[in-house]
């Protein structure tokens, strides 16, 4: 049974797409929906869909960012009001590119294309997004939900990101929130000159490092400016500090 993710920041259009797909392809399962790029990326990790229908222009991450990070196992269909990327999408191996508003006849062709592909073309998602958006802008905002409140945190306010088993802590001088994006994904989205990786679980804002302490047995600890928390540096990432 194919598993499908729908990502669109317009609820009505997303609902129409869902209804149409369920009628055209009853064997498929809509396993997740998202109304912004961050939620779409979280759903990709949590729900593991086979197919993602992505709007291109969404809050947070664009559909192009999500496609680039989706992994080769996910087949990508863009459903968008903008036609300027269509040629590049097909040249890069997109399964389909559907203009809004999509009617049942047009989506029926999309479903047939998806059914005919038993597996995604290796490298399809990454190659497609690279062709569509060769120069990606580093992430500028972190989006985090707490109950009914949506927090929008400027990246420049973040002291560090630290992952545990389920979530990633985002710490600023005034607040702490949790998001579901893994450190590996954040490292790809953030400016590597602005955020340095200390371990598989930690990214720190370079301009917030006050000192790096070497302790016995080859261990290193990062001390932050005007903040008590200390961050360990794994051996894999210590070379950056040895050269300073």
C-alpha atoms as a PDB file:
ATOM      1  CA  UNK A   1       0.000   0.000   0.000  1.00  0.00           C
ATOM      2  CA  UNK A   2       1.604   3.312  -1.075  1.00  0.00           C
ATOM      3  CA  UNK A   3       2.022   5.855   1.722  1.00  0.00           C
ATOM      4  CA  UNK A   4       1.492   9.506   0.834  1.00  0.00           C
ATOM      5  CA  UNK A   5       2.419  12.835   2.441  1.00  0.00           C
ATOM      6  CA  UNK A   6       0.519  15.998   1.466  1.00  0.00           C
ATOM      7  CA  UNK A   7       2.197  19.351   2.170  1.00  0.00           C
ATOM      8  CA  UNK A   8       0.476  22.632   1.321  1.00  0.00           C
ATOM      9  CA  UNK A   9      -0.094  25.765   3.387  1.00  0.00           C
ATOM     10  CA  UNK A  10      -3.577  26.292   1.897  1.00  0.00           C
ATOM     11  CA  UNK A  11      -5.947  24.017   3.883  1.00  0.00           C
ATOM     12  CA  UNK A  12      -8.747  24.076   1.326  1.00  0.00           C
ATOM     13  CA  UNK A  13      -6.524  23.113  -1.590  1.00  0.00           C
ATOM     14  CA  UNK A  14      -4.859  20.424   0.529  1.00  0.00           C
ATOM     15  CA  UNK A  15      -8.273  18.999   1.455  1.00  0.00           C
ATOM     16  CA  UNK A  16      -9.352  19.007  -2.198  1.00  0.00           C
ATOM     17  CA  UNK A  17      -6.180  17.194  -3.208  1.00  0.00           C
ATOM     18  CA  UNK A  18      -6.719  14.612  -0.464  1.00  0.00           C
ATOM     19  CA  UNK A  19     -10.309  13.944  -1.502  1.00  0.00           C
ATOM     20  CA  UNK A  20      -9.363  13.599  -5.150  1.00  0.00           C
ATOM     21  CA  UNK A  21      -6.443  11.248  -4.465  1.00  0.00           C
ATOM     22  CA  UNK A  22      -8.573   9.054  -2.197  1.00  0.00           C
ATOM     23  CA  UNK A  23     -11.145   8.703  -4.987  1.00  0.00           C
ATOM     24  CA  UNK A  24      -8.569   8.034  -7.699  1.00  0.00           C
ATOM     25  CA  UNK A  25      -6.301   5.756  -5.659  1.00  0.00           C
ATOM     26  CA  UNK A  26      -8.259   4.117  -2.809  1.00  0.00           C
ATOM     27  CA  UNK A  27      -5.443   1.604  -2.210  1.00  0.00           C
ATOM     28  CA  UNK A  28      -3.091   4.419  -1.176  1.00  0.00           C
ATOM     29  CA  UNK A  29      -2.955   5.780   2.367  1.00  0.00           C
ATOM     30  CA  UNK A  30      -2.580   9.471   3.246  1.00  0.00           C
ATOM     31  CA  UNK A  31      -0.312   8.972   6.235  1.00  0.00           C
ATOM     32  CA  UNK A  32       0.554  12.606   6.994  1.00  0.00           C
ATOM     33  CA  UNK A  33      -0.342  16.195   6.173  1.00  0.00           C
ATOM     34  CA  UNK A  34       1.653  19.376   6.695  1.00  0.00           C
ATOM     35  CA  UNK A  35       1.028  23.081   6.272  1.00  0.00           C
ATOM     36  CA  UNK A  36       4.633  24.292   6.254  1.00  0.00           C
ATOM     37  CA  UNK A  37       8.054  23.063   5.256  1.00  0.00           C
ATOM     38  CA  UNK A  38       9.243  22.194   8.760  1.00  0.00           C
ATOM     39  CA  UNK A  39       6.170  20.068   9.445  1.00  0.00           C
ATOM     40  CA  UNK A  40       6.602  18.357   6.079  1.00  0.00           C
ATOM     41  CA  UNK A  41      10.188  17.459   6.889  1.00  0.00           C
ATOM     42  CA  UNK A  42       9.188  16.158  10.330  1.00  0.00           C
ATOM     43  CA  UNK A  43       6.461  14.061   8.703  1.00  0.00           C
ATOM     44  CA  UNK A  44       8.961  12.567   6.275  1.00  0.00           C
ATOM     45  CA  UNK A  45      11.046  11.340   9.200  1.00  0.00           C
ATOM     46  CA  UNK A  46       8.090  10.198  11.322  1.00  0.00           C
ATOM     47  CA  UNK A  47       5.695   8.700   8.762  1.00  0.00           C
ATOM     48  CA  UNK A  48       8.203   7.395   6.178  1.00  0.00           C
ATOM     49  CA  UNK A  49       5.975   7.998   3.125  1.00  0.00           C
ATOM     50  CA  UNK A  50       6.726   6.574  -0.304  1.00  0.00           C
ATOM     51  CA  UNK A  51       5.327   9.620  -2.123  1.00  0.00           C
ATOM     52  CA  UNK A  52       5.241  13.315  -1.230  1.00  0.00           C
ATOM     53  CA  UNK A  53       2.971  15.876  -2.859  1.00  0.00           C
ATOM     54  CA  UNK A  54       4.690  19.187  -2.130  1.00  0.00           C
ATOM     55  CA  UNK A  55       3.716  22.793  -2.657  1.00  0.00           C
ATOM     56  CA  UNK A  56       6.785  24.811  -3.657  1.00  0.00           C
ATOM     57  CA  UNK A  57       6.167  28.015  -1.702  1.00  0.00           C
ATOM     58  CA  UNK A  58       5.462  27.202   1.944  1.00  0.00           C
ATOM     59  CA  UNK A  59       6.406  28.915   5.220  1.00  0.00           C
ATOM     60  CA  UNK A  60       9.610  27.783   6.857  1.00  0.00           C
ATOM     61  CA  UNK A  61      11.272  25.493   4.346  1.00  0.00           C
ATOM     62  CA  UNK A  62      10.219  25.592   0.714  1.00  0.00           C
ATOM     63  CA  UNK A  63       9.041  22.482  -1.057  1.00  0.00           C
ATOM     64  CA  UNK A  64      12.384  22.510  -2.854  1.00  0.00           C
ATOM     65  CA  UNK A  65      14.240  22.329   0.472  1.00  0.00           C
ATOM     66  CA  UNK A  66      12.027  19.456   1.602  1.00  0.00           C
ATOM     67  CA  UNK A  67      12.594  17.578  -1.671  1.00  0.00           C
ATOM     68  CA  UNK A  68      16.361  18.012  -1.368  1.00  0.00           C
ATOM     69  CA  UNK A  69      16.286  16.502   2.119  1.00  0.00           C
ATOM     70  CA  UNK A  70      13.678  13.837   1.426  1.00  0.00           C
ATOM     71  CA  UNK A  71      15.962  10.944   0.551  1.00  0.00           C
ATOM     72  CA  UNK A  72      16.024   8.785  -2.540  1.00  0.00           C
ATOM     73  CA  UNK A  73      13.184   6.475  -1.499  1.00  0.00           C
ATOM     74  CA  UNK A  74      10.541   9.222  -1.709  1.00  0.00           C
ATOM     75  CA  UNK A  75       8.928  10.036  -5.045  1.00  0.00           C
ATOM     76  CA  UNK A  76       8.212  13.748  -5.389  1.00  0.00           C
ATOM     77  CA  UNK A  77       5.213  15.402  -7.039  1.00  0.00           C
ATOM     78  CA  UNK A  78       5.015  19.190  -6.989  1.00  0.00           C
ATOM     79  CA  UNK A  79       1.531  20.715  -6.854  1.00  0.00           C
ATOM     80  CA  UNK A  80       1.965  24.448  -7.208  1.00  0.00           C
ATOM     81  CA  UNK A  81       0.545  27.650  -8.642  1.00  0.00           C
ATOM     82  CA  UNK A  82       3.887  28.523 -10.225  1.00  0.00           C
ATOM     83  CA  UNK A  83       5.002  27.113 -13.566  1.00  0.00           C
ATOM     84  CA  UNK A  84       8.509  28.560 -13.891  1.00  0.00           C
ATOM     85  CA  UNK A  85      10.232  25.441 -12.528  1.00  0.00           C
ATOM     86  CA  UNK A  86       8.360  22.860 -14.596  1.00  0.00           C
ATOM     87  CA  UNK A  87      10.994  22.223 -17.290  1.00  0.00           C
ATOM     88  CA  UNK A  88      13.798  21.894 -14.753  1.00  0.00           C
ATOM     89  CA  UNK A  89      11.669  19.553 -12.632  1.00  0.00           C
ATOM     90  CA  UNK A  90      11.092  17.099 -15.469  1.00  0.00           C
ATOM     91  CA  UNK A  91      14.700  17.294 -16.623  1.00  0.00           C
ATOM     92  CA  UNK A  92      15.787  16.387 -13.092  1.00  0.00           C
ATOM     93  CA  UNK A  93      13.437  13.392 -12.862  1.00  0.00           C
ATOM     94  CA  UNK A  94      10.336  14.635 -11.066  1.00  0.00           C
ATOM     95  CA  UNK A  95       7.488  12.143 -11.194  1.00  0.00           C
ATOM     96  CA  UNK A  96       5.106  14.988 -12.035  1.00  0.00           C
ATOM     97  CA  UNK A  97       4.535  18.713 -11.775  1.00  0.00           C
ATOM     98  CA  UNK A  98       0.888  19.702 -11.383  1.00  0.00           C
ATOM     99  CA  UNK A  99      -0.415  23.261 -11.574  1.00  0.00           C
ATOM    100  CA  UNK A 100      -3.123  24.440  -9.196  1.00  0.00           C
ATOM    101  CA  UNK A 101      -6.023  24.101  -9.213  1.00  0.00           C
ATOM    102  CA  UNK A 102      -5.559  20.429 -10.095  1.00  0.00           C
ATOM    103  CA  UNK A 103      -8.632  18.660 -11.443  1.00  0.00           C
ATOM    104  CA  UNK A 104      -9.421  14.958 -11.312  1.00  0.00           C
ATOM    105  CA  UNK A 105      -8.439  14.343 -14.944  1.00  0.00           C
ATOM    106  CA  UNK A 106      -4.974  15.842 -14.428  1.00  0.00           C
ATOM    107  CA  UNK A 107      -4.423  14.041 -11.128  1.00  0.00           C
ATOM    108  CA  UNK A 108      -5.500  10.746 -12.717  1.00  0.00           C
ATOM    109  CA  UNK A 109      -2.479  11.032 -15.021  1.00  0.00           C
ATOM    110  CA  UNK A 110      -0.269  11.672 -11.998  1.00  0.00           C
ATOM    111  CA  UNK A 111      -1.613   8.577 -10.254  1.00  0.00           C
ATOM    112  CA  UNK A 112      -0.928   6.473 -13.360  1.00  0.00           C
ATOM    113  CA  UNK A 113       2.643   7.736 -13.465  1.00  0.00           C
ATOM    114  CA  UNK A 114       3.142   6.898  -9.812  1.00  0.00           C
ATOM    115  CA  UNK A 115       1.656   3.438 -10.227  1.00  0.00           C
ATOM    116  CA  UNK A 116       3.993   2.746 -13.141  1.00  0.00           C
ATOM    117  CA  UNK A 117       7.066   3.465 -11.057  1.00  0.00           C
ATOM    118  CA  UNK A 118       7.822   0.607  -8.723  1.00  0.00           C
ATOM    119  CA  UNK A 119      10.749   2.477  -7.171  1.00  0.00           C
ATOM    120  CA  UNK A 120      12.114   5.986  -7.201  1.00  0.00           C
ATOM    121  CA  UNK A 121      15.027   6.706  -9.500  1.00  0.00           C
ATOM    122  CA  UNK A 122      18.236   6.659  -7.373  1.00  0.00           C
ATOM    123  CA  UNK A 123      19.181  10.190  -6.417  1.00  0.00           C
ATOM    124  CA  UNK A 124      15.959  11.584  -7.910  1.00  0.00           C
ATOM    125  CA  UNK A 125      14.913  13.799  -5.007  1.00  0.00           C
ATOM    126  CA  UNK A 126      18.306  15.343  -4.370  1.00  0.00           C
ATOM    127  CA  UNK A 127      19.095  15.828  -8.063  1.00  0.00           C
ATOM    128  CA  UNK A 128      15.714  17.408  -8.709  1.00  0.00           C
ATOM    129  CA  UNK A 129      16.023  19.933  -5.911  1.00  0.00           C
ATOM    130  CA  UNK A 130      19.599  20.800  -6.870  1.00  0.00           C
ATOM    131  CA  UNK A 131      18.440  21.569 -10.403  1.00  0.00           C
ATOM    132  CA  UNK A 132      15.510  23.647  -9.191  1.00  0.00           C
ATOM    133  CA  UNK A 133      17.341  25.582  -6.504  1.00  0.00           C
ATOM    134  CA  UNK A 134      21.103  25.448  -7.043  1.00  0.00           C
ATOM    135  CA  UNK A 135      21.874  28.217  -4.545  1.00  0.00           C
ATOM    136  CA  UNK A 136      20.072  27.522  -1.279  1.00  0.00           C
ATOM    137  CA  UNK A 137      19.708  30.276   1.305  1.00  0.00           C
ATOM    138  CA  UNK A 138      20.707  29.147   4.822  1.00  0.00           C
ATOM    139  CA  UNK A 139      17.905  28.726   7.334  1.00  0.00           C
ATOM    140  CA  UNK A 140      16.925  32.020   9.006  1.00  0.00           C
ATOM    141  CA  UNK A 141      14.079  31.026  11.369  1.00  0.00           C
ATOM    142  CA  UNK A 142      13.344  28.123  13.691  1.00  0.00           C
ATOM    143  CA  UNK A 143       9.700  27.187  14.013  1.00  0.00           C
ATOM    144  CA  UNK A 144       8.543  25.381  17.170  1.00  0.00           C
ATOM    145  CA  UNK A 145       5.081  24.566  18.521  1.00  0.00           C
ATOM    146  CA  UNK A 146       4.176  24.522  22.214  1.00  0.00           C
ATOM    147  CA  UNK A 147       0.511  23.738  22.764  1.00  0.00           C
ATOM    148  CA  UNK A 148      -1.468  26.248  20.736  1.00  0.00           C
ATOM    149  CA  UNK A 149       1.487  28.626  20.424  1.00  0.00           C
ATOM    150  CA  UNK A 150       3.819  28.770  17.434  1.00  0.00           C
ATOM    151  CA  UNK A 151       7.266  30.174  18.246  1.00  0.00           C
ATOM    152  CA  UNK A 152       9.324  31.776  15.469  1.00  0.00           C
ATOM    153  CA  UNK A 153      12.924  32.090  16.625  1.00  0.00           C
ATOM    154  CA  UNK A 154      15.556  33.953  14.580  1.00  0.00           C
ATOM    155  CA  UNK A 155      18.527  31.687  13.984  1.00  0.00           C
ATOM    156  CA  UNK A 156      20.902  34.416  15.167  1.00  0.00           C
ATOM    157  CA  UNK A 157      19.308  34.194  18.657  1.00  0.00           C
ATOM    158  CA  UNK A 158      20.127  30.498  19.078  1.00  0.00           C
ATOM    159  CA  UNK A 159      23.000  29.538  21.379  1.00  0.00           C
ATOM    160  CA  UNK A 160      23.011  25.856  20.511  1.00  0.00           C
ATOM    161  CA  UNK A 161      20.995  22.878  19.304  1.00  0.00           C
ATOM    162  CA  UNK A 162      21.244  19.600  21.210  1.00  0.00           C
ATOM    163  CA  UNK A 163      19.461  16.370  20.303  1.00  0.00           C
ATOM    164  CA  UNK A 164      18.223  13.608  22.560  1.00  0.00           C
ATOM    165  CA  UNK A 165      16.341  10.427  21.685  1.00  0.00           C
ATOM    166  CA  UNK A 166      13.168  12.121  20.371  1.00  0.00           C
ATOM    167  CA  UNK A 167      13.662  15.880  20.148  1.00  0.00           C
ATOM    168  CA  UNK A 168      16.235  18.578  19.546  1.00  0.00           C
ATOM    169  CA  UNK A 169      16.611  21.304  22.180  1.00  0.00           C
ATOM    170  CA  UNK A 170      16.838  24.858  20.864  1.00  0.00           C
ATOM    171  CA  UNK A 171      18.297  27.195  23.461  1.00  0.00           C
ATOM    172  CA  UNK A 172      18.387  30.993  23.338  1.00  0.00           C
ATOM    173  CA  UNK A 173      19.134  33.431  26.139  1.00  0.00           C
ATOM    174  CA  UNK A 174      15.444  33.868  26.876  1.00  0.00           C
ATOM    175  CA  UNK A 175      13.770  30.552  26.056  1.00  0.00           C
ATOM    176  CA  UNK A 176      14.128  26.851  25.399  1.00  0.00           C
ATOM    177  CA  UNK A 177      11.952  24.931  22.946  1.00  0.00           C
ATOM    178  CA  UNK A 178      12.027  21.498  21.356  1.00  0.00           C
ATOM    179  CA  UNK A 179      11.732  20.621  17.677  1.00  0.00           C
ATOM    180  CA  UNK A 180      11.736  17.310  15.821  1.00  0.00           C
ATOM    181  CA  UNK A 181      14.370  18.147  13.217  1.00  0.00           C
ATOM    182  CA  UNK A 182      17.480  15.996  13.727  1.00  0.00           C
ATOM    183  CA  UNK A 183      20.935  17.527  14.053  1.00  0.00           C
ATOM    184  CA  UNK A 184      22.006  16.047  10.702  1.00  0.00           C
ATOM    185  CA  UNK A 185      19.221  17.934   8.913  1.00  0.00           C
ATOM    186  CA  UNK A 186      19.875  21.166  10.804  1.00  0.00           C
ATOM    187  CA  UNK A 187      23.559  20.962   9.890  1.00  0.00           C
ATOM    188  CA  UNK A 188      22.572  20.885   6.221  1.00  0.00           C
ATOM    189  CA  UNK A 189      20.125  23.779   6.530  1.00  0.00           C
ATOM    190  CA  UNK A 190      22.223  26.139   8.667  1.00  0.00           C
ATOM    191  CA  UNK A 191      25.207  28.246   7.656  1.00  0.00           C
ATOM    192  CA  UNK A 192      28.264  26.132   8.481  1.00  0.00           C
ATOM    193  CA  UNK A 193      30.301  29.216   9.288  1.00  0.00           C
ATOM    194  CA  UNK A 194      27.702  30.395  11.773  1.00  0.00           C
ATOM    195  CA  UNK A 195      27.048  27.031  13.505  1.00  0.00           C
ATOM    196  CA  UNK A 196      29.794  24.550  14.316  1.00  0.00           C
ATOM    197  CA  UNK A 197      29.179  20.895  14.995  1.00  0.00           C
ATOM    198  CA  UNK A 198      30.581  19.658  18.307  1.00  0.00           C
ATOM    199  CA  UNK A 199      29.267  16.095  18.140  1.00  0.00           C
ATOM    200  CA  UNK A 200      26.592  14.012  16.437  1.00  0.00           C
ATOM    201  CA  UNK A 201      24.081  15.581  18.833  1.00  0.00           C
ATOM    202  CA  UNK A 202      25.221  19.202  19.197  1.00  0.00           C
ATOM    203  CA  UNK A 203      25.549  22.353  17.061  1.00  0.00           C
ATOM    204  CA  UNK A 204      26.764  25.590  18.652  1.00  0.00           C
ATOM    205  CA  UNK A 205      26.684  29.200  17.474  1.00  0.00           C
ATOM    206  CA  UNK A 206      30.333  30.018  16.810  1.00  0.00           C
ATOM    207  CA  UNK A 207      30.018  33.605  18.025  1.00  0.00           C
ATOM    208  CA  UNK A 208      28.702  32.381  21.395  1.00  0.00           C
ATOM    209  CA  UNK A 209      31.853  30.378  22.248  1.00  0.00           C
ATOM    210  CA  UNK A 210      33.770  32.050  25.062  1.00  0.00           C
ATOM    211  CA  UNK A 211      36.442  29.408  25.598  1.00  0.00           C
ATOM    212  CA  UNK A 212      37.411  25.829  24.827  1.00  0.00           C
ATOM    213  CA  UNK A 213      38.865  23.853  27.708  1.00  0.00           C
ATOM    214  CA  UNK A 214      41.098  20.833  27.219  1.00  0.00           C
ATOM    215  CA  UNK A 215      40.804  18.295  30.007  1.00  0.00           C
ATOM    216  CA  UNK A 216      42.433  14.956  30.643  1.00  0.00           C
ATOM    217  CA  UNK A 217      42.052  11.901  28.395  1.00  0.00           C
ATOM    218  CA  UNK A 218      41.723  14.046  25.281  1.00  0.00           C
ATOM    219  CA  UNK A 219      38.372  15.562  26.193  1.00  0.00           C
ATOM    220  CA  UNK A 220      37.293  19.095  25.250  1.00  0.00           C
ATOM    221  CA  UNK A 221      34.542  21.285  26.638  1.00  0.00           C
ATOM    222  CA  UNK A 222      33.075  24.440  25.110  1.00  0.00           C
ATOM    223  CA  UNK A 223      32.138  27.297  27.477  1.00  0.00           C
ATOM    224  CA  UNK A 224      29.501  29.765  26.279  1.00  0.00           C
ATOM    225  CA  UNK A 225      29.377  33.532  26.730  1.00  0.00           C
ATOM    226  CA  UNK A 226      27.384  34.472  29.842  1.00  0.00           C
ATOM    227  CA  UNK A 227      25.712  31.074  30.027  1.00  0.00           C
ATOM    228  CA  UNK A 228      26.527  28.289  32.516  1.00  0.00           C
ATOM    229  CA  UNK A 229      25.945  25.255  30.295  1.00  0.00           C
ATOM    230  CA  UNK A 230      29.067  23.484  29.017  1.00  0.00           C
ATOM    231  CA  UNK A 231      29.112  21.448  25.799  1.00  0.00           C
ATOM    232  CA  UNK A 232      31.326  18.441  25.123  1.00  0.00           C
ATOM    233  CA  UNK A 233      33.308  18.176  21.884  1.00  0.00           C
ATOM    234  CA  UNK A 234      33.661  14.674  20.462  1.00  0.00           C
ATOM    235  CA  UNK A 235      37.058  13.638  19.085  1.00  0.00           C
ATOM    236  CA  UNK A 236      35.767  13.719  15.514  1.00  0.00           C
ATOM    237  CA  UNK A 237      35.212  17.501  15.753  1.00  0.00           C
ATOM    238  CA  UNK A 238      38.159  18.529  17.917  1.00  0.00           C
ATOM    239  CA  UNK A 239      40.463  19.318  14.980  1.00  0.00           C
ATOM    240  CA  UNK A 240      38.746  22.676  14.407  1.00  0.00           C
ATOM    241  CA  UNK A 241      39.733  23.828  17.895  1.00  0.00           C
ATOM    242  CA  UNK A 242      43.268  22.468  17.833  1.00  0.00           C
ATOM    243  CA  UNK A 243      44.019  24.809  14.902  1.00  0.00           C
ATOM    244  CA  UNK A 244      42.758  27.908  16.734  1.00  0.00           C
END
